[in-house]
């Protein structure tokens, strides 16, 4: 997918904020696990009371829209289990799930299950309604 931020889901929602996170898989060489950790990292330190307490008239968590953008090393993108990654989000409708070239593969310099590669994924989660 194209890496720009002007995707249809962003134009079709009132953007409130962007959450960012990083996820790693140090030993298992599982890019989906790294992506899930990046998404959890992005949303774990945030509370969104506006959707629950009626701060935005007529808007509840049922109206929440998400645009998930992941930076994943290109050769590993085809190994992503998108349904598993989407399960990280407790509420909100995922309007767009975008994967772009990014992230990192580096060495852990130690023995692991398959090799010493560490997979790193970056996540940006756009939240709006």
Protein backbone atom coordinates (compact mmCIF):
# COMPACT_ATOMS: atom_id res chain seq x y z
CA UNK A 1 0.00 0.00 0.00
CA UNK A 2 1.01 3.58 -0.51
CA UNK A 3 2.77 5.19 2.43
CA UNK A 4 0.96 8.55 2.39
CA UNK A 5 -1.34 9.68 5.19
CA UNK A 6 -4.10 10.94 2.92
CA UNK A 7 -5.84 7.56 2.69
CA UNK A 8 -9.61 7.52 2.38
CA UNK A 9 -10.12 6.46 5.99
CA UNK A 10 -8.31 9.53 7.30
CA UNK A 11 -10.31 11.82 5.06
CA UNK A 12 -13.53 10.12 6.16
CA UNK A 13 -13.03 10.65 9.88
CA UNK A 14 -12.59 13.46 12.35
CA UNK A 15 -9.10 12.75 13.62
CA UNK A 16 -8.59 13.23 17.36
CA UNK A 17 -5.06 11.95 17.92
CA UNK A 18 -2.31 9.60 16.79
CA UNK A 19 -0.84 6.93 19.04
CA UNK A 20 2.59 5.48 18.26
CA UNK A 21 4.32 2.33 19.38
CA UNK A 22 7.20 -0.05 18.78
CA UNK A 23 7.13 -3.82 19.04
CA UNK A 24 9.91 -6.39 19.00
CA UNK A 25 10.28 -10.12 18.64
CA UNK A 26 13.73 -10.93 19.98
CA UNK A 27 13.78 -14.70 19.84
CA UNK A 28 10.91 -16.21 17.87
CA UNK A 29 11.33 -14.42 14.54
CA UNK A 30 7.55 -13.83 14.42
CA UNK A 31 6.71 -10.59 12.62
CA UNK A 32 3.04 -10.84 13.66
CA UNK A 33 4.05 -10.98 17.34
CA UNK A 34 6.22 -7.89 16.84
CA UNK A 35 3.34 -6.06 15.10
CA UNK A 36 0.90 -6.99 17.87
CA UNK A 37 3.33 -5.66 20.47
CA UNK A 38 3.72 -2.42 18.49
CA UNK A 39 -0.06 -1.95 18.40
CA UNK A 40 -0.40 -2.74 22.12
CA UNK A 41 2.42 -0.30 22.86
CA UNK A 42 0.61 2.38 20.84
CA UNK A 43 -2.66 2.04 22.75
CA UNK A 44 -1.52 0.83 26.18
CA UNK A 45 -0.73 4.17 27.82
CA UNK A 46 -3.85 5.96 26.66
CA UNK A 47 -7.36 6.31 27.97
CA UNK A 48 -10.10 7.73 25.81
CA UNK A 49 -12.79 8.96 28.19
CA UNK A 50 -14.28 11.27 25.56
CA UNK A 51 -15.82 8.26 23.84
CA UNK A 52 -17.29 6.87 27.05
CA UNK A 53 -18.41 9.96 28.94
CA UNK A 54 -20.22 11.80 26.18
CA UNK A 55 -17.65 14.58 25.87
CA UNK A 56 -18.32 14.60 22.16
CA UNK A 57 -22.10 14.95 21.78
CA UNK A 58 -23.64 11.96 20.04
CA UNK A 59 -20.33 10.06 19.85
CA UNK A 60 -19.60 6.85 21.77
CA UNK A 61 -16.98 4.11 21.50
CA UNK A 62 -19.30 2.55 18.89
CA UNK A 63 -18.43 5.50 16.63
CA UNK A 64 -14.65 5.21 17.09
CA UNK A 65 -12.74 4.78 13.85
CA UNK A 66 -9.16 3.57 13.60
CA UNK A 67 -6.54 3.75 10.88
CA UNK A 68 -3.66 1.38 11.65
CA UNK A 69 -0.35 1.95 9.89
CA UNK A 70 2.53 -0.47 10.40
CA UNK A 71 6.15 -0.06 9.32
CA UNK A 72 7.37 -3.60 8.62
CA UNK A 73 10.57 -4.79 6.90
CA UNK A 74 9.58 -5.43 3.29
CA UNK A 75 10.62 -9.10 3.02
CA UNK A 76 8.48 -9.95 6.08
CA UNK A 77 5.26 -8.16 5.15
CA UNK A 78 3.70 -11.21 3.50
CA UNK A 79 4.05 -13.13 6.80
CA UNK A 80 1.76 -10.79 8.75
CA UNK A 81 -1.46 -12.25 10.15
CA UNK A 82 -3.64 -9.14 9.92
CA UNK A 83 -6.64 -10.71 11.67
CA UNK A 84 -4.49 -11.58 14.66
CA UNK A 85 -3.07 -8.05 14.78
CA UNK A 86 -6.56 -6.51 14.55
CA UNK A 87 -7.58 -8.51 17.62
CA UNK A 88 -5.35 -6.24 19.73
CA UNK A 89 -7.88 -3.40 19.52
CA UNK A 90 -10.65 -3.74 22.14
CA UNK A 91 -13.07 -1.40 20.36
CA UNK A 92 -13.31 0.86 17.38
CA UNK A 93 -13.85 0.06 13.73
CA UNK A 94 -10.65 -0.40 11.76
CA UNK A 95 -11.29 1.65 8.64
CA UNK A 96 -7.91 1.01 7.07
CA UNK A 97 -5.01 -1.31 7.83
CA UNK A 98 -1.89 -0.09 6.06
CA UNK A 99 1.48 -1.81 5.86
CA UNK A 100 4.46 0.17 4.59
CA UNK A 101 8.18 -0.46 4.31
CA UNK A 102 9.79 0.26 7.65
CA UNK A 103 10.80 -1.38 10.89
CA UNK A 104 14.09 -3.16 11.23
CA UNK A 105 15.76 -6.54 11.27
CA UNK A 106 18.83 -6.58 13.48
CA UNK A 107 20.96 -9.12 15.27
CA UNK A 108 20.47 -9.95 18.94
CA UNK A 109 24.00 -11.41 18.98
CA UNK A 110 22.71 -14.43 20.89
CA UNK A 111 21.34 -17.85 20.11
CA UNK A 112 17.61 -18.01 19.49
CA UNK A 113 15.01 -20.45 18.19
CA UNK A 114 15.83 -20.02 14.49
CA UNK A 115 18.62 -17.46 14.21
CA UNK A 116 19.77 -14.30 15.97
CA UNK A 117 17.44 -11.93 14.09
CA UNK A 118 15.32 -9.45 16.02
CA UNK A 119 12.25 -8.08 14.22
CA UNK A 120 11.11 -4.54 15.00
CA UNK A 121 7.79 -3.06 13.86
CA UNK A 122 6.59 0.53 14.21
CA UNK A 123 2.89 1.34 14.59
CA UNK A 124 0.87 4.53 14.20
CA UNK A 125 -2.78 4.29 15.21
CA UNK A 126 -4.97 7.19 14.11
CA UNK A 127 -8.06 7.56 16.30
CA UNK A 128 -11.14 9.54 15.40
CA UNK A 129 -14.84 9.26 14.70
